[in-house]
Amino acid sequence: MPTLTELNFYPVKSCAGIALREATVTAAGLASESVRDREWMVVDGDGHFLTQRQHPRMASIAPHIETDALVLRTPNMPPLTIPLAHSDNETSGRPVTIWDDALSAQDCGDLAANWFSSALG
């Protein structure tokens, strides 16, 4: 009989994970505290997703889920707080590409873009 020894969750694709004691299994994958696994991703100016293969510093970006926000921390920088709920008035529908799939995604804004640009050098 298989034994589950560890359960890790990655809210931001290619960033550090969060060790969990429990999670909900959904049709789209794991979820914890209303956040899905790999719900966020970092993209370049052309909308192509970034990975640790290209940007090893992504592994040092540690997410933490709070009641109403995703908080990201990395050494020598202030934390970045991203609200879990976005208003319908915010920029949405940004075209992004992950592998061979083209999707429409919500942009988290210039503050998040500048924070990641600094964190990744």
PDB file of N, CA and C in Angstrom:
ATOM      1  N   MET A   1       0.851  -1.181   0.000  1.00  0.00           N
ATOM      2  CA  MET A   1       0.000   0.000   0.000  1.00  0.00           C
ATOM      3  C   MET A   1       0.897   1.245   0.000  1.00  0.00           C
ATOM      4  N   PRO A   2       0.633   2.209  -0.898  1.00  0.00           N
ATOM      5  CA  PRO A   2       1.428   3.434  -0.938  1.00  0.00           C
ATOM      6  C   PRO A   2       1.252   4.250   0.342  1.00  0.00           C
ATOM      7  N   THR A   3       2.318   4.960   0.703  1.00  0.00           N
ATOM      8  CA  THR A   3       2.285   5.831   1.873  1.00  0.00           C
ATOM      9  C   THR A   3       2.682   7.235   1.457  1.00  0.00           C
ATOM     10  N   LEU A   4       1.877   8.202   1.830  1.00  0.00           N
ATOM     11  CA  LEU A   4       2.177   9.596   1.559  1.00  0.00           C
ATOM     12  C   LEU A   4       3.037  10.114   2.709  1.00  0.00           C
ATOM     13  N   THR A   5       4.262  10.547   2.405  1.00  0.00           N
ATOM     14  CA  THR A   5       5.169  10.990   3.460  1.00  0.00           C
ATOM     15  C   THR A   5       5.357  12.501   3.493  1.00  0.00           C
ATOM     16  N   GLU A   6       5.017  13.176   2.400  1.00  0.00           N
ATOM     17  CA  GLU A   6       5.217  14.610   2.319  1.00  0.00           C
ATOM     18  C   GLU A   6       4.179  15.195   1.378  1.00  0.00           C
ATOM     19  N   LEU A   7       3.706  16.401   1.678  1.00  0.00           N
ATOM     20  CA  LEU A   7       2.731  17.067   0.837  1.00  0.00           C
ATOM     21  C   LEU A   7       3.188  18.512   0.646  1.00  0.00           C
ATOM     22  N   ASN A   8       3.591  18.846  -0.569  1.00  0.00           N
ATOM     23  CA  ASN A   8       4.068  20.191  -0.870  1.00  0.00           C
ATOM     24  C   ASN A   8       3.168  20.834  -1.905  1.00  0.00           C
ATOM     25  N   PHE A   9       3.048  22.129  -1.789  1.00  0.00           N
ATOM     26  CA  PHE A   9       2.104  22.928  -2.550  1.00  0.00           C
ATOM     27  C   PHE A   9       2.877  24.126  -3.093  1.00  0.00           C
ATOM     28  N   TYR A  10       2.661  24.475  -4.333  1.00  0.00           N
ATOM     29  CA  TYR A  10       3.407  25.556  -4.990  1.00  0.00           C
ATOM     30  C   TYR A  10       2.440  26.606  -5.540  1.00  0.00           C
ATOM     31  N   PRO A  11       2.083  27.618  -4.747  1.00  0.00           N
ATOM     32  CA  PRO A  11       1.134  28.628  -5.232  1.00  0.00           C
ATOM     33  C   PRO A  11       1.645  29.400  -6.450  1.00  0.00           C
ATOM     34  N   VAL A  12       2.978  29.645  -6.507  1.00  0.00           N
ATOM     35  CA  VAL A  12       3.568  30.365  -7.630  1.00  0.00           C
ATOM     36  C   VAL A  12       4.465  29.402  -8.392  1.00  0.00           C
ATOM     37  N   LYS A  13       4.145  29.145  -9.633  1.00  0.00           N
ATOM     38  CA  LYS A  13       4.917  28.203 -10.434  1.00  0.00           C
ATOM     39  C   LYS A  13       6.400  28.571 -10.401  1.00  0.00           C
ATOM     40  N   SER A  14       7.234  27.587 -10.106  1.00  0.00           N
ATOM     41  CA  SER A  14       8.697  27.681 -10.087  1.00  0.00           C
ATOM     42  C   SER A  14       9.285  28.406  -8.880  1.00  0.00           C
ATOM     43  N   CYS A  15       8.444  28.886  -7.961  1.00  0.00           N
ATOM     44  CA  CYS A  15       8.968  29.446  -6.709  1.00  0.00           C
ATOM     45  C   CYS A  15       8.976  28.338  -5.657  1.00  0.00           C
ATOM     46  N   ALA A  16       9.465  28.636  -4.461  1.00  0.00           N
ATOM     47  CA  ALA A  16       9.514  27.646  -3.392  1.00  0.00           C
ATOM     48  C   ALA A  16       8.106  27.164  -3.045  1.00  0.00           C
ATOM     49  N   GLY A  17       8.050  26.010  -2.441  1.00  0.00           N
ATOM     50  CA  GLY A  17       6.770  25.439  -2.054  1.00  0.00           C
ATOM     51  C   GLY A  17       6.452  25.660  -0.594  1.00  0.00           C
ATOM     52  N   ILE A  18       5.277  25.216  -0.218  1.00  0.00           N
ATOM     53  CA  ILE A  18       4.804  25.268   1.161  1.00  0.00           C
ATOM     54  C   ILE A  18       4.490  23.839   1.581  1.00  0.00           C
ATOM     55  N   ALA A  19       5.068  23.396   2.689  1.00  0.00           N
ATOM     56  CA  ALA A  19       4.745  22.070   3.215  1.00  0.00           C
ATOM     57  C   ALA A  19       3.373  22.138   3.876  1.00  0.00           C
ATOM     58  N   LEU A  20       2.513  21.189   3.548  1.00  0.00           N
ATOM     59  CA  LEU A  20       1.154  21.160   4.090  1.00  0.00           C
ATOM     60  C   LEU A  20       0.913  19.902   4.912  1.00  0.00           C
ATOM     61  N   ARG A  21       0.025  20.020   5.859  1.00  0.00           N
ATOM     62  CA  ARG A  21      -0.424  18.847   6.610  1.00  0.00           C
ATOM     63  C   ARG A  21      -1.652  18.234   5.934  1.00  0.00           C
ATOM     64  N   GLU A  22      -2.404  19.076   5.209  1.00  0.00           N
ATOM     65  CA  GLU A  22      -3.589  18.595   4.504  1.00  0.00           C
ATOM     66  C   GLU A  22      -3.871  19.530   3.335  1.00  0.00           C
ATOM     67  N   ALA A  23      -4.601  19.038   2.364  1.00  0.00           N
ATOM     68  CA  ALA A  23      -4.994  19.828   1.204  1.00  0.00           C
ATOM     69  C   ALA A  23      -6.282  19.242   0.651  1.00  0.00           C
ATOM     70  N   THR A  24      -6.930  20.006  -0.192  1.00  0.00           N
ATOM     71  CA  THR A  24      -8.124  19.556  -0.878  1.00  0.00           C
ATOM     72  C   THR A  24      -7.735  19.177  -2.300  1.00  0.00           C
ATOM     73  N   VAL A  25      -8.214  18.046  -2.766  1.00  0.00           N
ATOM     74  CA  VAL A  25      -7.967  17.629  -4.142  1.00  0.00           C
ATOM     75  C   VAL A  25      -9.155  18.083  -4.980  1.00  0.00           C
ATOM     76  N   THR A  26      -8.859  18.891  -6.008  1.00  0.00           N
ATOM     77  CA  THR A  26      -9.901  19.388  -6.908  1.00  0.00           C
ATOM     78  C   THR A  26      -9.626  18.840  -8.313  1.00  0.00           C
ATOM     79  N   ALA A  27     -10.538  19.085  -9.222  1.00  0.00           N
ATOM     80  CA  ALA A  27     -10.339  18.651 -10.608  1.00  0.00           C
ATOM     81  C   ALA A  27      -9.101  19.309 -11.214  1.00  0.00           C
ATOM     82  N   ALA A  28      -8.735  20.497 -10.718  1.00  0.00           N
ATOM     83  CA  ALA A  28      -7.572  21.229 -11.238  1.00  0.00           C
ATOM     84  C   ALA A  28      -6.299  20.938 -10.449  1.00  0.00           C
ATOM     85  N   GLY A  29      -6.373  20.099  -9.420  1.00  0.00           N
ATOM     86  CA  GLY A  29      -5.187  19.790  -8.611  1.00  0.00           C
ATOM     87  C   GLY A  29      -5.406  20.140  -7.152  1.00  0.00           C
ATOM     88  N   LEU A  30      -4.306  20.272  -6.418  1.00  0.00           N
ATOM     89  CA  LEU A  30      -4.392  20.569  -4.987  1.00  0.00           C
ATOM     90  C   LEU A  30      -4.843  22.003  -4.732  1.00  0.00           C
ATOM     91  N   ALA A  31      -5.518  22.190  -3.610  1.00  0.00           N
ATOM     92  CA  ALA A  31      -5.895  23.527  -3.155  1.00  0.00           C
ATOM     93  C   ALA A  31      -5.715  23.577  -1.652  1.00  0.00           C
ATOM     94  N   SER A  32      -5.349  24.748  -1.168  1.00  0.00           N
ATOM     95  CA  SER A  32      -5.203  24.979   0.266  1.00  0.00           C
ATOM     96  C   SER A  32      -5.650  26.396   0.567  1.00  0.00           C
ATOM     97  N   GLU A  33      -6.537  26.549   1.538  1.00  0.00           N
ATOM     98  CA  GLU A  33      -7.019  27.868   1.946  1.00  0.00           C
ATOM     99  C   GLU A  33      -7.498  28.678   0.741  1.00  0.00           C
ATOM    100  N   SER A  34      -8.249  28.084  -0.138  1.00  0.00           N
ATOM    101  CA  SER A  34      -8.850  28.685  -1.339  1.00  0.00           C
ATOM    102  C   SER A  34      -7.820  29.089  -2.402  1.00  0.00           C
ATOM    103  N   VAL A  35      -6.590  28.623  -2.262  1.00  0.00           N
ATOM    104  CA  VAL A  35      -5.554  28.882  -3.256  1.00  0.00           C
ATOM    105  C   VAL A  35      -5.207  27.559  -3.924  1.00  0.00           C
ATOM    106  N   ARG A  36      -5.143  27.584  -5.249  1.00  0.00           N
ATOM    107  CA  ARG A  36      -4.807  26.367  -5.985  1.00  0.00           C
ATOM    108  C   ARG A  36      -3.306  26.275  -6.245  1.00  0.00           C
ATOM    109  N   ASP A  37      -2.840  25.054  -6.392  1.00  0.00           N
ATOM    110  CA  ASP A  37      -1.453  24.795  -6.730  1.00  0.00           C
ATOM    111  C   ASP A  37      -1.122  25.448  -8.075  1.00  0.00           C
ATOM    112  N   ARG A  38      -0.046  26.207  -8.096  1.00  0.00           N
ATOM    113  CA  ARG A  38       0.432  26.911  -9.294  1.00  0.00           C
ATOM    114  C   ARG A  38      -0.626  27.852  -9.879  1.00  0.00           C
ATOM    115  N   GLU A  39      -1.358  28.492  -8.980  1.00  0.00           N
ATOM    116  CA  GLU A  39      -2.380  29.449  -9.419  1.00  0.00           C
ATOM    117  C   GLU A  39      -1.753  30.699 -10.030  1.00  0.00           C
ATOM    118  N   TRP A  40      -0.561  31.059  -9.560  1.00  0.00           N
ATOM    119  CA  TRP A  40       0.159  32.211 -10.081  1.00  0.00           C
ATOM    120  C   TRP A  40       1.382  31.738 -10.857  1.00  0.00           C
ATOM    121  N   MET A  41       1.829  32.579 -11.788  1.00  0.00           N
ATOM    122  CA  MET A  41       3.105  32.345 -12.449  1.00  0.00           C
ATOM    123  C   MET A  41       3.703  33.700 -12.807  1.00  0.00           C
ATOM    124  N   VAL A  42       5.008  33.698 -12.957  1.00  0.00           N
ATOM    125  CA  VAL A  42       5.738  34.907 -13.317  1.00  0.00           C
ATOM    126  C   VAL A  42       5.991  34.839 -14.821  1.00  0.00           C
ATOM    127  N   VAL A  43       5.715  35.942 -15.504  1.00  0.00           N
ATOM    128  CA  VAL A  43       5.926  35.998 -16.950  1.00  0.00           C
ATOM    129  C   VAL A  43       6.833  37.169 -17.300  1.00  0.00           C
ATOM    130  N   ASP A  44       7.465  37.079 -18.463  1.00  0.00           N
ATOM    131  CA  ASP A  44       8.287  38.185 -18.940  1.00  0.00           C
ATOM    132  C   ASP A  44       7.408  39.201 -19.664  1.00  0.00           C
ATOM    133  N   GLY A  45       8.014  40.212 -20.241  1.00  0.00           N
ATOM    134  CA  GLY A  45       7.272  41.264 -20.928  1.00  0.00           C
ATOM    135  C   GLY A  45       6.473  40.781 -22.120  1.00  0.00           C
ATOM    136  N   ASP A  46       6.868  39.627 -22.666  1.00  0.00           N
ATOM    137  CA  ASP A  46       6.145  39.052 -23.797  1.00  0.00           C
ATOM    138  C   ASP A  46       5.077  38.050 -23.367  1.00  0.00           C
ATOM    139  N   GLY A  47       4.934  37.854 -22.049  1.00  0.00           N
ATOM    140  CA  GLY A  47       3.915  36.941 -21.541  1.00  0.00           C
ATOM    141  C   GLY A  47       4.347  35.490 -21.468  1.00  0.00           C
ATOM    142  N   HIS A  48       5.640  35.204 -21.662  1.00  0.00           N
ATOM    143  CA  HIS A  48       6.134  33.825 -21.557  1.00  0.00           C
ATOM    144  C   HIS A  48       6.519  33.537 -20.103  1.00  0.00           C
ATOM    145  N   PHE A  49       6.100  32.383 -19.595  1.00  0.00           N
ATOM    146  CA  PHE A  49       6.343  32.063 -18.189  1.00  0.00           C
ATOM    147  C   PHE A  49       7.829  31.842 -17.915  1.00  0.00           C
ATOM    148  N   LEU A  50       8.236  32.167 -16.682  1.00  0.00           N
ATOM    149  CA  LEU A  50       9.620  31.985 -16.250  1.00  0.00           C
ATOM    150  C   LEU A  50       9.715  30.733 -15.379  1.00  0.00           C
ATOM    151  N   THR A  51      10.869  30.084 -15.428  1.00  0.00           N
ATOM    152  CA  THR A  51      11.097  28.886 -14.618  1.00  0.00           C
ATOM    153  C   THR A  51      12.413  28.998 -13.866  1.00  0.00           C
ATOM    154  N   GLN A  52      12.594  28.096 -12.893  1.00  0.00           N
ATOM    155  CA  GLN A  52      13.861  28.018 -12.162  1.00  0.00           C
ATOM    156  C   GLN A  52      15.013  27.647 -13.084  1.00  0.00           C
ATOM    157  N   ARG A  53      14.729  26.959 -14.163  1.00  0.00           N
ATOM    158  CA  ARG A  53      15.800  26.600 -15.113  1.00  0.00           C
ATOM    159  C   ARG A  53      16.456  27.856 -15.665  1.00  0.00           C
ATOM    160  N   GLN A  54      15.645  28.860 -15.962  1.00  0.00           N
ATOM    161  CA  GLN A  54      16.146  30.126 -16.501  1.00  0.00           C
ATOM    162  C   GLN A  54      16.578  31.076 -15.392  1.00  0.00           C
ATOM    163  N   HIS A  55      15.876  31.039 -14.271  1.00  0.00           N
ATOM    164  CA  HIS A  55      16.076  31.980 -13.168  1.00  0.00           C
ATOM    165  C   HIS A  55      16.154  31.221 -11.843  1.00  0.00           C
ATOM    166  N   PRO A  56      17.320  30.656 -11.533  1.00  0.00           N
ATOM    167  CA  PRO A  56      17.455  29.848 -10.308  1.00  0.00           C
ATOM    168  C   PRO A  56      17.055  30.573  -9.026  1.00  0.00           C
ATOM    169  N   ARG A  57      17.109  31.912  -9.029  1.00  0.00           N
ATOM    170  CA  ARG A  57      16.721  32.661  -7.821  1.00  0.00           C
ATOM    171  C   ARG A  57      15.249  32.470  -7.459  1.00  0.00           C
ATOM    172  N   MET A  58      14.446  31.992  -8.399  1.00  0.00           N
ATOM    173  CA  MET A  58      13.035  31.767  -8.101  1.00  0.00           C
ATOM    174  C   MET A  58      12.868  30.776  -6.950  1.00  0.00           C
ATOM    175  N   ALA A  59      13.812  29.860  -6.807  1.00  0.00           N
ATOM    176  CA  ALA A  59      13.735  28.856  -5.738  1.00  0.00           C
ATOM    177  C   ALA A  59      13.810  29.495  -4.359  1.00  0.00           C
ATOM    178  N   SER A  60      14.385  30.698  -4.258  1.00  0.00           N
ATOM    179  CA  SER A  60      14.513  31.363  -2.953  1.00  0.00           C
ATOM    180  C   SER A  60      13.309  32.241  -2.620  1.00  0.00           C
ATOM    181  N   ILE A  61      12.344  32.344  -3.518  1.00  0.00           N
ATOM    182  CA  ILE A  61      11.142  33.145  -3.264  1.00  0.00           C
ATOM    183  C   ILE A  61      10.122  32.254  -2.565  1.00  0.00           C
ATOM    184  N   ALA A  62       9.890  32.561  -1.293  1.00  0.00           N
ATOM    185  CA  ALA A  62       9.040  31.716  -0.444  1.00  0.00           C
ATOM    186  C   ALA A  62       7.649  32.329  -0.274  1.00  0.00           C
ATOM    187  N   PRO A  63       6.608  31.622  -0.707  1.00  0.00           N
ATOM    188  CA  PRO A  63       5.243  32.102  -0.531  1.00  0.00           C
ATOM    189  C   PRO A  63       4.678  31.711   0.829  1.00  0.00           C
ATOM    190  N   HIS A  64       3.752  32.515   1.298  1.00  0.00           N
ATOM    191  CA  HIS A  64       3.017  32.227   2.533  1.00  0.00           C
ATOM    192  C   HIS A  64       1.593  32.718   2.312  1.00  0.00           C
ATOM    193  N   ILE A  65       0.616  31.888   2.638  1.00  0.00           N
ATOM    194  CA  ILE A  65      -0.780  32.275   2.462  1.00  0.00           C
ATOM    195  C   ILE A  65      -1.316  32.815   3.772  1.00  0.00           C
ATOM    196  N   GLU A  66      -1.822  34.043   3.712  1.00  0.00           N
ATOM    197  CA  GLU A  66      -2.498  34.645   4.857  1.00  0.00           C
ATOM    198  C   GLU A  66      -3.988  34.650   4.571  1.00  0.00           C
ATOM    199  N   THR A  67      -4.769  35.146   5.473  1.00  0.00           N
ATOM    200  CA  THR A  67      -6.224  35.113   5.338  1.00  0.00           C
ATOM    201  C   THR A  67      -6.708  35.666   4.006  1.00  0.00           C
ATOM    202  N   ASP A  68      -6.179  36.815   3.593  1.00  0.00           N
ATOM    203  CA  ASP A  68      -6.668  37.457   2.383  1.00  0.00           C
ATOM    204  C   ASP A  68      -5.567  37.829   1.398  1.00  0.00           C
ATOM    205  N   ALA A  69      -4.373  37.243   1.583  1.00  0.00           N
ATOM    206  CA  ALA A  69      -3.262  37.628   0.715  1.00  0.00           C
ATOM    207  C   ALA A  69      -2.239  36.507   0.562  1.00  0.00           C
ATOM    208  N   LEU A  70      -1.524  36.567  -0.537  1.00  0.00           N
ATOM    209  CA  LEU A  70      -0.343  35.747  -0.750  1.00  0.00           C
ATOM    210  C   LEU A  70       0.841  36.661  -0.464  1.00  0.00           C
ATOM    211  N   VAL A  71       1.716  36.253   0.449  1.00  0.00           N
ATOM    212  CA  VAL A  71       2.882  37.049   0.805  1.00  0.00           C
ATOM    213  C   VAL A  71       4.118  36.306   0.307  1.00  0.00           C
ATOM    214  N   LEU A  72       4.959  37.018  -0.440  1.00  0.00           N
ATOM    215  CA  LEU A  72       6.186  36.436  -0.982  1.00  0.00           C
ATOM    216  C   LEU A  72       7.385  37.094  -0.319  1.00  0.00           C
ATOM    217  N   ARG A  73       8.345  36.253   0.069  1.00  0.00           N
ATOM    218  CA  ARG A  73       9.564  36.749   0.710  1.00  0.00           C
ATOM    219  C   ARG A  73      10.780  36.154   0.010  1.00  0.00           C
ATOM    220  N   THR A  74      11.827  36.951  -0.060  1.00  0.00           N
ATOM    221  CA  THR A  74      13.114  36.498  -0.562  1.00  0.00           C
ATOM    222  C   THR A  74      14.180  37.287   0.187  1.00  0.00           C
ATOM    223  N   PRO A  75      15.382  36.747   0.333  1.00  0.00           N
ATOM    224  CA  PRO A  75      16.414  37.440   1.101  1.00  0.00           C
ATOM    225  C   PRO A  75      16.710  38.861   0.589  1.00  0.00           C
ATOM    226  N   ASN A  76      16.948  39.747   1.532  1.00  0.00           N
ATOM    227  CA  ASN A  76      17.378  41.127   1.266  1.00  0.00           C
ATOM    228  C   ASN A  76      16.360  41.995   0.533  1.00  0.00           C
ATOM    229  N   MET A  77      15.089  41.633   0.638  1.00  0.00           N
ATOM    230  CA  MET A  77      14.036  42.448   0.035  1.00  0.00           C
ATOM    231  C   MET A  77      12.836  42.496   0.968  1.00  0.00           C
ATOM    232  N   PRO A  78      12.069  43.587   0.906  1.00  0.00           N
ATOM    233  CA  PRO A  78      10.822  43.611   1.672  1.00  0.00           C
ATOM    234  C   PRO A  78       9.845  42.609   1.074  1.00  0.00           C
ATOM    235  N   PRO A  79       8.900  42.108   1.867  1.00  0.00           N
ATOM    236  CA  PRO A  79       7.926  41.162   1.325  1.00  0.00           C
ATOM    237  C   PRO A  79       6.987  41.822   0.323  1.00  0.00           C
ATOM    238  N   LEU A  80       6.451  41.001  -0.561  1.00  0.00           N
ATOM    239  CA  LEU A  80       5.432  41.437  -1.516  1.00  0.00           C
ATOM    240  C   LEU A  80       4.112  40.809  -1.097  1.00  0.00           C
ATOM    241  N   THR A  81       3.079  41.617  -0.966  1.00  0.00           N
ATOM    242  CA  THR A  81       1.753  41.124  -0.596  1.00  0.00           C
ATOM    243  C   THR A  81       0.816  41.294  -1.782  1.00  0.00           C
ATOM    244  N   ILE A  82       0.211  40.180  -2.182  1.00  0.00           N
ATOM    245  CA  ILE A  82      -0.723  40.183  -3.306  1.00  0.00           C
ATOM    246  C   ILE A  82      -2.091  39.751  -2.773  1.00  0.00           C
ATOM    247  N   PRO A  83      -3.121  40.584  -2.919  1.00  0.00           N
ATOM    248  CA  PRO A  83      -4.450  40.196  -2.445  1.00  0.00           C
ATOM    249  C   PRO A  83      -4.941  38.925  -3.141  1.00  0.00           C
ATOM    250  N   LEU A  84      -5.607  38.059  -2.389  1.00  0.00           N
ATOM    251  CA  LEU A  84      -6.164  36.846  -2.988  1.00  0.00           C
ATOM    252  C   LEU A  84      -7.348  37.170  -3.882  1.00  0.00           C
ATOM    253  N   ALA A  85      -8.105  38.183  -3.520  1.00  0.00           N
ATOM    254  CA  ALA A  85      -9.272  38.580  -4.315  1.00  0.00           C
ATOM    255  C   ALA A  85      -8.909  39.811  -5.128  1.00  0.00           C
ATOM    256  N   HIS A  86      -9.214  39.778  -6.411  1.00  0.00           N
ATOM    257  CA  HIS A  86      -8.980  40.917  -7.292  1.00  0.00           C
ATOM    258  C   HIS A  86     -10.325  41.462  -7.723  1.00  0.00           C
ATOM    259  N   SER A  87     -10.393  42.779  -7.849  1.00  0.00           N
ATOM    260  CA  SER A  87     -11.655  43.360  -8.305  1.00  0.00           C
ATOM    261  C   SER A  87     -11.774  43.191  -9.809  1.00  0.00           C
ATOM    262  N   ASP A  88     -12.984  43.195 -10.310  1.00  0.00           N
ATOM    263  CA  ASP A  88     -13.215  43.060 -11.740  1.00  0.00           C
ATOM    264  C   ASP A  88     -12.725  44.286 -12.511  1.00  0.00           C
ATOM    265  N   ASN A  89     -12.429  45.387 -11.793  1.00  0.00           N
ATOM    266  CA  ASN A  89     -11.957  46.599 -12.450  1.00  0.00           C
ATOM    267  C   ASN A  89     -10.483  46.523 -12.806  1.00  0.00           C
ATOM    268  N   GLU A  90      -9.756  45.589 -12.198  1.00  0.00           N
ATOM    269  CA  GLU A  90      -8.323  45.504 -12.444  1.00  0.00           C
ATOM    270  C   GLU A  90      -8.053  44.948 -13.835  1.00  0.00           C
ATOM    271  N   THR A  91      -6.834  45.211 -14.305  1.00  0.00           N
ATOM    272  CA  THR A  91      -6.427  44.712 -15.616  1.00  0.00           C
ATOM    273  C   THR A  91      -6.573  43.204 -15.649  1.00  0.00           C
ATOM    274  N   SER A  92      -7.228  42.695 -16.645  1.00  0.00           N
ATOM    275  CA  SER A  92      -7.352  41.256 -16.794  1.00  0.00           C
ATOM    276  C   SER A  92      -7.272  40.913 -18.269  1.00  0.00           C
ATOM    277  N   GLY A  93      -7.188  39.654 -18.544  1.00  0.00           N
ATOM    278  CA  GLY A  93      -7.155  39.237 -19.920  1.00  0.00           C
ATOM    279  C   GLY A  93      -5.807  39.387 -20.589  1.00  0.00           C
ATOM    280  N   ARG A  94      -4.729  39.473 -19.814  1.00  0.00           N
ATOM    281  CA  ARG A  94      -3.386  39.563 -20.390  1.00  0.00           C
ATOM    282  C   ARG A  94      -3.035  38.225 -21.028  1.00  0.00           C
ATOM    283  N   PRO A  95      -2.611  38.218 -22.289  1.00  0.00           N
ATOM    284  CA  PRO A  95      -2.243  36.946 -22.919  1.00  0.00           C
ATOM    285  C   PRO A  95      -0.909  36.436 -22.369  1.00  0.00           C
ATOM    286  N   VAL A  96      -0.867  35.169 -21.997  1.00  0.00           N
ATOM    287  CA  VAL A  96       0.352  34.531 -21.500  1.00  0.00           C
ATOM    288  C   VAL A  96       0.509  33.170 -22.173  1.00  0.00           C
ATOM    289  N   THR A  97       1.746  32.686 -22.159  1.00  0.00           N
ATOM    290  CA  THR A  97       2.037  31.394 -22.759  1.00  0.00           C
ATOM    291  C   THR A  97       2.781  30.533 -21.758  1.00  0.00           C
ATOM    292  N   ILE A  98       2.304  29.313 -21.574  1.00  0.00           N
ATOM    293  CA  ILE A  98       2.987  28.329 -20.752  1.00  0.00           C
ATOM    294  C   ILE A  98       3.120  27.073 -21.598  1.00  0.00           C
ATOM    295  N   TRP A  99       4.367  26.708 -21.858  1.00  0.00           N
ATOM    296  CA  TRP A  99       4.686  25.634 -22.793  1.00  0.00           C
ATOM    297  C   TRP A  99       4.025  25.938 -24.127  1.00  0.00           C
ATOM    298  N   ASP A 100       3.121  25.108 -24.597  1.00  0.00           N
ATOM    299  CA  ASP A 100       2.476  25.349 -25.893  1.00  0.00           C
ATOM    300  C   ASP A 100       1.064  25.904 -25.751  1.00  0.00           C
ATOM    301  N   ASP A 101       0.681  26.257 -24.528  1.00  0.00           N
ATOM    302  CA  ASP A 101      -0.676  26.731 -24.286  1.00  0.00           C
ATOM    303  C   ASP A 101      -0.723  28.253 -24.168  1.00  0.00           C
ATOM    304  N   ALA A 102      -1.639  28.866 -24.881  1.00  0.00           N
ATOM    305  CA  ALA A 102      -1.890  30.301 -24.770  1.00  0.00           C
ATOM    306  C   ALA A 102      -3.107  30.488 -23.879  1.00  0.00           C
ATOM    307  N   LEU A 103      -2.974  31.342 -22.874  1.00  0.00           N
ATOM    308  CA  LEU A 103      -4.041  31.569 -21.903  1.00  0.00           C
ATOM    309  C   LEU A 103      -4.268  33.057 -21.709  1.00  0.00           C
ATOM    310  N   SER A 104      -5.353  33.372 -21.050  1.00  0.00           N
ATOM    311  CA  SER A 104      -5.627  34.726 -20.615  1.00  0.00           C
ATOM    312  C   SER A 104      -5.464  34.744 -19.099  1.00  0.00           C
ATOM    313  N   ALA A 105      -4.663  35.678 -18.581  1.00  0.00           N
ATOM    314  CA  ALA A 105      -4.382  35.724 -17.143  1.00  0.00           C
ATOM    315  C   ALA A 105      -4.555  37.131 -16.604  1.00  0.00           C
ATOM    316  N   GLN A 106      -4.784  37.209 -15.309  1.00  0.00           N
ATOM    317  CA  GLN A 106      -4.909  38.506 -14.660  1.00  0.00           C
ATOM    318  C   GLN A 106      -3.538  39.009 -14.254  1.00  0.00           C
ATOM    319  N   ASP A 107      -3.253  40.253 -14.534  1.00  0.00           N
ATOM    320  CA  ASP A 107      -1.982  40.889 -14.212  1.00  0.00           C
ATOM    321  C   ASP A 107      -2.046  41.407 -12.772  1.00  0.00           C
ATOM    322  N   CYS A 108      -1.029  41.124 -11.978  1.00  0.00           N
ATOM    323  CA  CYS A 108      -0.993  41.584 -10.576  1.00  0.00           C
ATOM    324  C   CYS A 108      -0.426  42.991 -10.431  1.00  0.00           C
ATOM    325  N   GLY A 109      -0.074  43.641 -11.524  1.00  0.00           N
ATOM    326  CA  GLY A 109       0.302  45.046 -11.492  1.00  0.00           C
ATOM    327  C   GLY A 109       1.796  45.330 -11.456  1.00  0.00           C
ATOM    328  N   ASP A 110       2.098  46.627 -11.543  1.00  0.00           N
ATOM    329  CA  ASP A 110       3.487  47.079 -11.613  1.00  0.00           C
ATOM    330  C   ASP A 110       4.275  46.810 -10.342  1.00  0.00           C
ATOM    331  N   LEU A 111       3.642  46.904  -9.183  1.00  0.00           N
ATOM    332  CA  LEU A 111       4.356  46.648  -7.927  1.00  0.00           C
ATOM    333  C   LEU A 111       4.907  45.222  -7.919  1.00  0.00           C
ATOM    334  N   ALA A 112       4.080  44.259  -8.289  1.00  0.00           N
ATOM    335  CA  ALA A 112       4.525  42.866  -8.337  1.00  0.00           C
ATOM    336  C   ALA A 112       5.581  42.676  -9.422  1.00  0.00           C
ATOM    337  N   ALA A 113       5.382  43.283 -10.584  1.00  0.00           N
ATOM    338  CA  ALA A 113       6.358  43.156 -11.673  1.00  0.00           C
ATOM    339  C   ALA A 113       7.714  43.712 -11.262  1.00  0.00           C
ATOM    340  N   ASN A 114       7.726  44.877 -10.627  1.00  0.00           N
ATOM    341  CA  ASN A 114       8.991  45.477 -10.190  1.00  0.00           C
ATOM    342  C   ASN A 114       9.649  44.663  -9.095  1.00  0.00           C
ATOM    343  N   TRP A 115       8.849  44.111  -8.175  1.00  0.00           N
ATOM    344  CA  TRP A 115       9.389  43.290  -7.096  1.00  0.00           C
ATOM    345  C   TRP A 115      10.088  42.048  -7.678  1.00  0.00           C
ATOM    346  N   PHE A 116       9.414  41.355  -8.597  1.00  0.00           N
ATOM    347  CA  PHE A 116      10.015  40.170  -9.204  1.00  0.00           C
ATOM    348  C   PHE A 116      11.241  40.529 -10.044  1.00  0.00           C
ATOM    349  N   SER A 117      11.197  41.648 -10.754  1.00  0.00           N
ATOM    350  CA  SER A 117      12.367  42.068 -11.530  1.00  0.00           C
ATOM    351  C   SER A 117      13.580  42.278 -10.619  1.00  0.00           C
ATOM    352  N   SER A 118      13.361  42.908  -9.482  1.00  0.00           N
ATOM    353  CA  SER A 118      14.455  43.100  -8.517  1.00  0.00           C
ATOM    354  C   SER A 118      14.904  41.786  -7.902  1.00  0.00           C
ATOM    355  N   ALA A 119      13.943  40.939  -7.537  1.00  0.00           N
ATOM    356  CA  ALA A 119      14.276  39.669  -6.888  1.00  0.00           C
ATOM    357  C   ALA A 119      15.066  38.754  -7.813  1.00  0.00           C
ATOM    358  N   LEU A 120      14.770  38.801  -9.115  1.00  0.00           N
ATOM    359  CA  LEU A 120      15.412  37.898 -10.065  1.00  0.00           C
ATOM    360  C   LEU A 120      16.626  38.511 -10.760  1.00  0.00           C
ATOM    361  N   GLY A 121      16.840  39.811 -10.504  1.00  0.00           N
ATOM    362  CA  GLY A 121      18.012  40.466 -11.106  1.00  0.00           C
ATOM    363  C   GLY A 121      17.823  40.735 -12.569  1.00  0.00           C
TER     364      GLY A 121
END
